[in-house]
C-alpha atoms as a PDB file:
ATOM      1  CA  MET A   1       0.000   0.000   0.000  1.00  0.00           C
ATOM      2  CA  SER A   2       2.855   2.370   0.696  1.00  0.00           C
ATOM      3  CA  ALA A   3       4.243   1.847  -2.808  1.00  0.00           C
ATOM      4  CA  GLU A   4       0.815   2.526  -4.196  1.00  0.00           C
ATOM      5  CA  VAL A   5       0.559   5.786  -2.219  1.00  0.00           C
ATOM      6  CA  ASP A   6       4.034   6.842  -3.347  1.00  0.00           C
ATOM      7  CA  GLN A   7       3.124   6.174  -6.978  1.00  0.00           C
ATOM      8  CA  SER A   8      -0.162   8.098  -6.794  1.00  0.00           C
ATOM      9  CA  TYR A   9       1.677  10.933  -5.071  1.00  0.00           C
ATOM     10  CA  GLY A  10       4.269  10.917  -7.868  1.00  0.00           C
ATOM     11  CA  ASP A  11       1.534  11.001 -10.497  1.00  0.00           C
ATOM     12  CA  PHE A  12      -0.129  13.901  -8.688  1.00  0.00           C
ATOM     13  CA  ARG A  13       3.175  15.744  -8.457  1.00  0.00           C
ATOM     14  CA  ALA A  14       3.911  15.130 -12.167  1.00  0.00           C
ATOM     15  CA  ARG A  15       0.425  16.314 -13.143  1.00  0.00           C
ATOM     16  CA  ARG A  16       0.795  19.363 -10.907  1.00  0.00           C
ATOM     17  CA  GLU A  17       4.142  20.276 -12.463  1.00  0.00           C
ATOM     18  CA  ALA A  18       2.692  19.748 -15.937  1.00  0.00           C
ATOM     19  CA  THR A  19      -0.201  22.093 -15.221  1.00  0.00           C
ATOM     20  CA  VAL A  20       2.201  24.703 -13.807  1.00  0.00           C
ATOM     21  CA  TRP A  21       4.268  24.573 -17.023  1.00  0.00           C
ATOM     22  CA  GLN A  22       1.115  24.689 -19.119  1.00  0.00           C
ATOM     23  CA  ARG A  23       0.035  27.804 -17.243  1.00  0.00           C
ATOM     24  CA  TRP A  24       3.461  29.404 -17.732  1.00  0.00           C
ATOM     25  CA  ASN A  25       3.291  28.533 -21.413  1.00  0.00           C
ATOM     26  CA  ARG A  26      -0.125  30.160 -21.693  1.00  0.00           C
ATOM     27  CA  VAL A  27       1.073  33.276 -19.860  1.00  0.00           C
ATOM     28  CA  LEU A  28       4.163  33.513 -22.061  1.00  0.00           C
ATOM     29  CA  LEU A  29       2.072  32.998 -25.180  1.00  0.00           C
ATOM     30  CA  LEU A  30      -0.286  35.723 -24.030  1.00  0.00           C
ATOM     31  CA  LEU A  31       2.643  38.053 -23.344  1.00  0.00           C
ATOM     32  CA  LEU A  32       4.107  37.256 -26.748  1.00  0.00           C
ATOM     33  CA  LEU A  33       0.818  38.031 -28.466  1.00  0.00           C
ATOM     34  CA  LEU A  34       0.542  41.272 -26.494  1.00  0.00           C
ATOM     35  CA  ALA A  35       4.073  42.259 -27.534  1.00  0.00           C
ATOM     36  CA  VAL A  36       3.318  41.516 -31.204  1.00  0.00           C
ATOM     37  CA  TRP A  37       0.101  43.532 -30.993  1.00  0.00           C
ATOM     38  CA  LEU A  38       1.968  46.475 -29.420  1.00  0.00           C
ATOM     39  CA  VAL A  39       4.585  46.369 -32.177  1.00  0.00           C
ATOM     40  CA  ILE A  40       1.884  46.352 -34.843  1.00  0.00           C
ATOM     41  CA  VAL A  41       0.058  49.253 -33.180  1.00  0.00           C
ATOM     42  CA  SER A  42       3.262  51.260 -32.812  1.00  0.00           C
ATOM     43  CA  LEU A  43       3.990  50.741 -36.514  1.00  0.00           C
ATOM     44  CA  PHE A  44       0.548  51.864 -37.679  1.00  0.00           C
ATOM     45  CA  VAL A  45      -0.270  54.739 -35.309  1.00  0.00           C
ATOM     46  CA  PRO A  46       2.164  57.358 -36.720  1.00  0.00           C
ATOM     47  CA  PRO A  47       1.018  56.865 -40.348  1.00  0.00           C
ATOM     48  CA  TYR A  48      -2.586  56.987 -39.166  1.00  0.00           C
ATOM     49  CA  LYS A  49      -1.944  60.319 -37.441  1.00  0.00           C
ATOM     50  CA  LYS A  50      -0.323  61.641 -40.620  1.00  0.00           C
ATOM     51  CA  LEU A  51      -3.339  60.449 -42.571  1.00  0.00           C
ATOM     52  CA  LYS A  52      -5.701  62.327 -40.248  1.00  0.00           C
ATOM     53  CA  ILE A  53      -3.569  65.482 -40.548  1.00  0.00           C
ATOM     54  CA  GLY A  54      -3.589  65.062 -44.326  1.00  0.00           C
ATOM     55  CA  HIS A  55      -7.388  64.786 -44.369  1.00  0.00           C
ATOM     56  CA  ALA A  56      -7.660  67.941 -42.255  1.00  0.00           C
ATOM     57  CA  ASP A  57      -5.337  69.780 -44.652  1.00  0.00           C
ATOM     58  CA  ILE A  58      -7.371  68.580 -47.618  1.00  0.00           C
ATOM     59  CA  ASP A  59     -10.594  69.807 -46.006  1.00  0.00           C
ATOM     60  CA  LYS A  60      -9.020  73.199 -45.284  1.00  0.00           C
ATOM     61  CA  LEU A  61      -7.730  73.516 -48.856  1.00  0.00           C
ATOM     62  CA  GLN A  62     -11.105  72.524 -50.288  1.00  0.00           C
ATOM     63  CA  ALA A  63     -12.762  75.240 -48.196  1.00  0.00           C
ATOM     64  CA  GLN A  64     -10.235  77.761 -49.501  1.00  0.00           C
ATOM     65  CA  ARG A  65     -10.869  76.567 -53.053  1.00  0.00           C
ATOM     66  CA  ASP A  66     -14.612  77.019 -52.575  1.00  0.00           C
ATOM     67  CA  GLU A  67     -14.092  80.557 -51.255  1.00  0.00           C
ATOM     68  CA  GLN A  68     -11.867  81.377 -54.218  1.00  0.00           C
ATOM     69  CA  GLN A  69     -14.438  79.974 -56.643  1.00  0.00           C
ATOM     70  CA  VAL A  70     -17.140  82.182 -55.105  1.00  0.00           C
ATOM     71  CA  LEU A  71     -14.848  85.205 -55.338  1.00  0.00           C
ATOM     72  CA  LEU A  72     -13.988  84.339 -58.950  1.00  0.00           C
ATOM     73  CA  SER A  73     -17.650  84.041 -59.911  1.00  0.00           C
ATOM     74  CA  LYS A  74     -18.441  87.417 -58.289  1.00  0.00           C
ATOM     75  CA  GLN A  75     -15.553  89.110 -60.051  1.00  0.00           C
ATOM     76  CA  THR A  76     -16.401  87.462 -63.377  1.00  0.00           C
ATOM     77  CA  ARG A  77     -19.966  88.689 -63.030  1.00  0.00           C
ATOM     78  CA  GLU A  78     -18.761  92.207 -62.249  1.00  0.00           C
ATOM     79  CA  VAL A  79     -16.384  92.211 -65.242  1.00  0.00           C
ATOM     80  CA  ASN A  80     -19.199  91.036 -67.523  1.00  0.00           C
ATOM     81  CA  LEU A  81     -21.486  93.764 -66.174  1.00  0.00           C
ATOM     82  CA  LEU A  82     -18.787  96.403 -66.641  1.00  0.00           C
ATOM     83  CA  LYS A  83     -18.249  95.263 -70.236  1.00  0.00           C
ATOM     84  CA  THR A  84     -21.909  94.924 -71.227  1.00  0.00           C
ATOM     85  CA  ASP A  85     -24.052  97.193 -69.007  1.00  0.00           C
ATOM     86  CA  PRO A  86     -23.408 100.944 -69.430  1.00  0.00           C
ATOM     87  CA  ALA A  87     -25.756 101.842 -66.550  1.00  0.00           C
ATOM     88  CA  TYR A  88     -23.790  99.611 -64.141  1.00  0.00           C
ATOM     89  CA  LEU A  89     -20.509 101.066 -65.401  1.00  0.00           C
ATOM     90  CA  GLU A  90     -21.823 104.588 -64.842  1.00  0.00           C
ATOM     91  CA  THR A  91     -23.025 103.733 -61.318  1.00  0.00           C
ATOM     92  CA  ILE A  92     -19.714 102.163 -60.320  1.00  0.00           C
ATOM     93  CA  ALA A  93     -17.679 105.011 -61.815  1.00  0.00           C
ATOM     94  CA  ARG A  94     -19.745 107.661 -60.023  1.00  0.00           C
ATOM     95  CA  ASP A  95     -19.549 105.734 -56.763  1.00  0.00           C
ATOM     96  CA  ARG A  96     -15.787 105.255 -56.844  1.00  0.00           C
ATOM     97  CA  LEU A  97     -15.039 108.801 -58.030  1.00  0.00           C
ATOM     98  CA  ASP A  98     -17.566 110.369 -55.642  1.00  0.00           C
ATOM     99  CA  LEU A  99     -19.414 112.117 -58.473  1.00  0.00           C
ATOM    100  CA  MET A 100     -23.115 112.817 -58.762  1.00  0.00           C
ATOM    101  CA  LYS A 101     -25.550 113.939 -61.393  1.00  0.00           C
ATOM    102  CA  GLU A 102     -27.129 117.352 -61.321  1.00  0.00           C
ATOM    103  CA  GLY A 103     -30.027 117.424 -58.870  1.00  0.00           C
ATOM    104  CA  GLU A 104     -29.047 114.078 -57.344  1.00  0.00           C
ATOM    105  CA  THR A 105     -28.611 113.634 -53.595  1.00  0.00           C
ATOM    106  CA  ILE A 106     -26.303 110.903 -52.362  1.00  0.00           C
ATOM    107  CA  PHE A 107     -26.546 109.290 -48.961  1.00  0.00           C
ATOM    108  CA  ARG A 108     -23.654 107.104 -47.849  1.00  0.00           C
ATOM    109  CA  VAL A 109     -23.995 104.522 -45.139  1.00  0.00           C
ATOM    110  CA  GLU A 110     -20.662 103.100 -44.062  1.00  0.00           C
ATOM    111  CA  SER A 111     -19.911 100.273 -41.703  1.00  0.00           C
ATOM    112  CA  ALA A 112     -17.784 100.751 -38.610  1.00  0.00           C
ATOM    113  CA  ALA A 113     -14.972  98.762 -40.236  1.00  0.00           C
ATOM    114  CA  ALA A 114     -14.931 101.065 -43.275  1.00  0.00           C
ATOM    115  CA  GLN A 115     -14.828 104.140 -41.030  1.00  0.00           C
ATOM    116  CA  ALA A 116     -11.916 102.650 -39.064  1.00  0.00           C
ATOM    117  CA  ASP A 117     -10.055 101.989 -42.334  1.00  0.00           C
ATOM    118  CA  LYS A 118     -10.571 105.621 -43.403  1.00  0.00           C
ATOM    119  CA  ARG A 119      -9.272 106.840 -40.048  1.00  0.00           C
ATOM    120  CA  LYS A 120      -6.152 104.711 -40.438  1.00  0.00           C
ATOM    121  CA  GLU A 121      -5.619 106.092 -43.958  1.00  0.00           C
ATOM    122  CA  SER A 122      -5.939 109.684 -42.766  1.00  0.00           C
ATOM    123  CA  ALA A 123      -3.621 109.014 -39.828  1.00  0.00           C
ATOM    124  CA  ARG A 124      -0.916 107.709 -42.203  1.00  0.00           C
ATOM    125  CA  ARG A 125      -0.998 110.932 -44.222  1.00  0.00           C
END
């Protein structure tokens, strides 16, 4: 009976050691997978940040392009009116040269920003 107890104890001890090594193997495998994942993440995060910055730059440039297109269309319209509409040309010329027709009364309404610009101009002189 003593030999039988010693053998069952040996089997128990061998099984216990095997499970300990299996656990260590699992832990090491998990740590290895975590390390590989961290390496992959560290390789892909900087390009991803650059990609996001690139998208933001593209959005900003597209907004600028849209503003420039609006400005271009306004200026093209004004050039066409100046070339084809004598009444518009006369109105713009009189406005910019501060001229008026006989018997005409002109009222000017200026914004605060325009008045500040005129003050700066007069202060420079």
